[in-house]
Amino acid sequence: RADNMREHRRGLLVDILTDVKVGNELAWQQVTTFLHQQRTSLSDEPKAAPQKQPKLPPPNAILRITPGQ
């Protein structure tokens, strides 16, 4: 079922809720969020400054995988 439709600066978000039952017992529950891109009342808000990516250290290990072992 669809639930919790809301605005986002890039469009509309909606949650799809999934319940899987075996007999009467809940076996799986999931929430998936979809974005439909369109202009909304939040579209003109100033964008946040991009976050700086941390500099990664140089590699310090070598991983060798031998087939069949």
Protein backbone atom coordinates (compact mmCIF):
# COMPACT_ATOMS: atom_id res chain seq x y z
CA ARG A 1 0.00 0.00 0.00
CA ALA A 2 1.10 3.60 -0.53
CA ASP A 3 1.54 5.87 2.47
CA ASN A 4 3.19 9.09 3.66
CA MET A 5 3.22 11.13 0.44
CA ARG A 6 5.26 14.27 1.03
CA GLU A 7 7.09 17.05 -0.76
CA HIS A 8 10.83 17.03 -1.30
CA ARG A 9 12.96 19.71 -2.95
CA ARG A 10 13.31 17.43 -5.98
CA GLY A 11 9.67 16.30 -6.19
CA LEU A 12 7.21 14.09 -4.33
CA LEU A 13 8.15 11.18 -2.08
CA VAL A 14 5.84 8.26 -1.38
CA ASP A 15 6.44 5.18 0.77
CA ILE A 16 5.31 1.77 -0.46
CA LEU A 17 4.68 -0.55 2.49
CA THR A 18 4.96 -4.28 1.87
CA ASP A 19 3.87 -7.02 4.28
CA VAL A 20 4.38 -10.70 3.43
CA LYS A 21 2.55 -13.22 5.58
CA VAL A 22 2.82 -16.99 5.77
CA GLY A 23 -0.56 -18.06 7.06
CA ASN A 24 -1.32 -15.46 9.71
CA GLU A 25 2.35 -14.89 10.63
CA LEU A 26 4.23 -11.82 9.37
CA ALA A 27 7.32 -13.12 7.54
CA TRP A 28 8.60 -9.90 5.92
CA GLN A 29 7.94 -6.20 6.26
CA GLN A 30 9.48 -3.52 4.06
CA VAL A 31 9.20 0.20 3.37
CA THR A 32 10.45 1.46 0.00
CA THR A 33 10.52 5.18 -0.78
CA PHE A 34 10.03 6.42 -4.34
CA LEU A 35 10.74 9.91 -5.68
CA HIS A 36 8.66 11.36 -8.53
CA GLN A 37 10.74 14.24 -9.86
CA GLN A 38 8.79 17.45 -10.35
CA ARG A 39 8.76 21.02 -9.05
CA THR A 40 7.21 21.49 -5.60
CA SER A 41 6.88 24.34 -3.13
CA LEU A 42 10.27 23.23 -1.74
CA SER A 43 12.06 23.38 -5.12
CA ASP A 44 13.28 26.97 -4.81
CA GLU A 45 14.91 26.58 -1.41
CA PRO A 46 18.64 27.32 -1.39
CA LYS A 47 20.79 24.26 -1.83
CA ALA A 48 22.98 23.12 1.02
CA ALA A 49 26.72 23.45 0.51
CA PRO A 50 28.23 20.23 -0.82
CA GLN A 51 30.03 18.21 1.81
CA LYS A 52 33.77 17.75 1.35
CA GLN A 53 34.79 14.17 0.79
CA PRO A 54 37.52 13.01 3.16
CA LYS A 55 40.86 12.22 1.54
CA LEU A 56 41.43 8.47 1.60
CA PRO A 57 44.77 7.13 2.78
CA PRO A 58 46.92 5.20 0.29
CA PRO A 59 46.32 1.43 0.11
CA ASN A 60 48.30 -0.52 2.69
CA ALA A 61 47.39 -4.13 1.87
CA ILE A 62 47.22 -6.46 -1.12
CA LEU A 63 44.53 -9.12 -1.33
CA ARG A 64 45.31 -12.13 -3.51
CA ILE A 65 42.62 -14.69 -4.28
CA THR A 66 43.69 -18.00 -5.78
CA PRO A 67 40.93 -19.89 -7.62
CA GLY A 68 40.09 -23.28 -6.14
CA GLN A 69 41.40 -22.63 -2.65
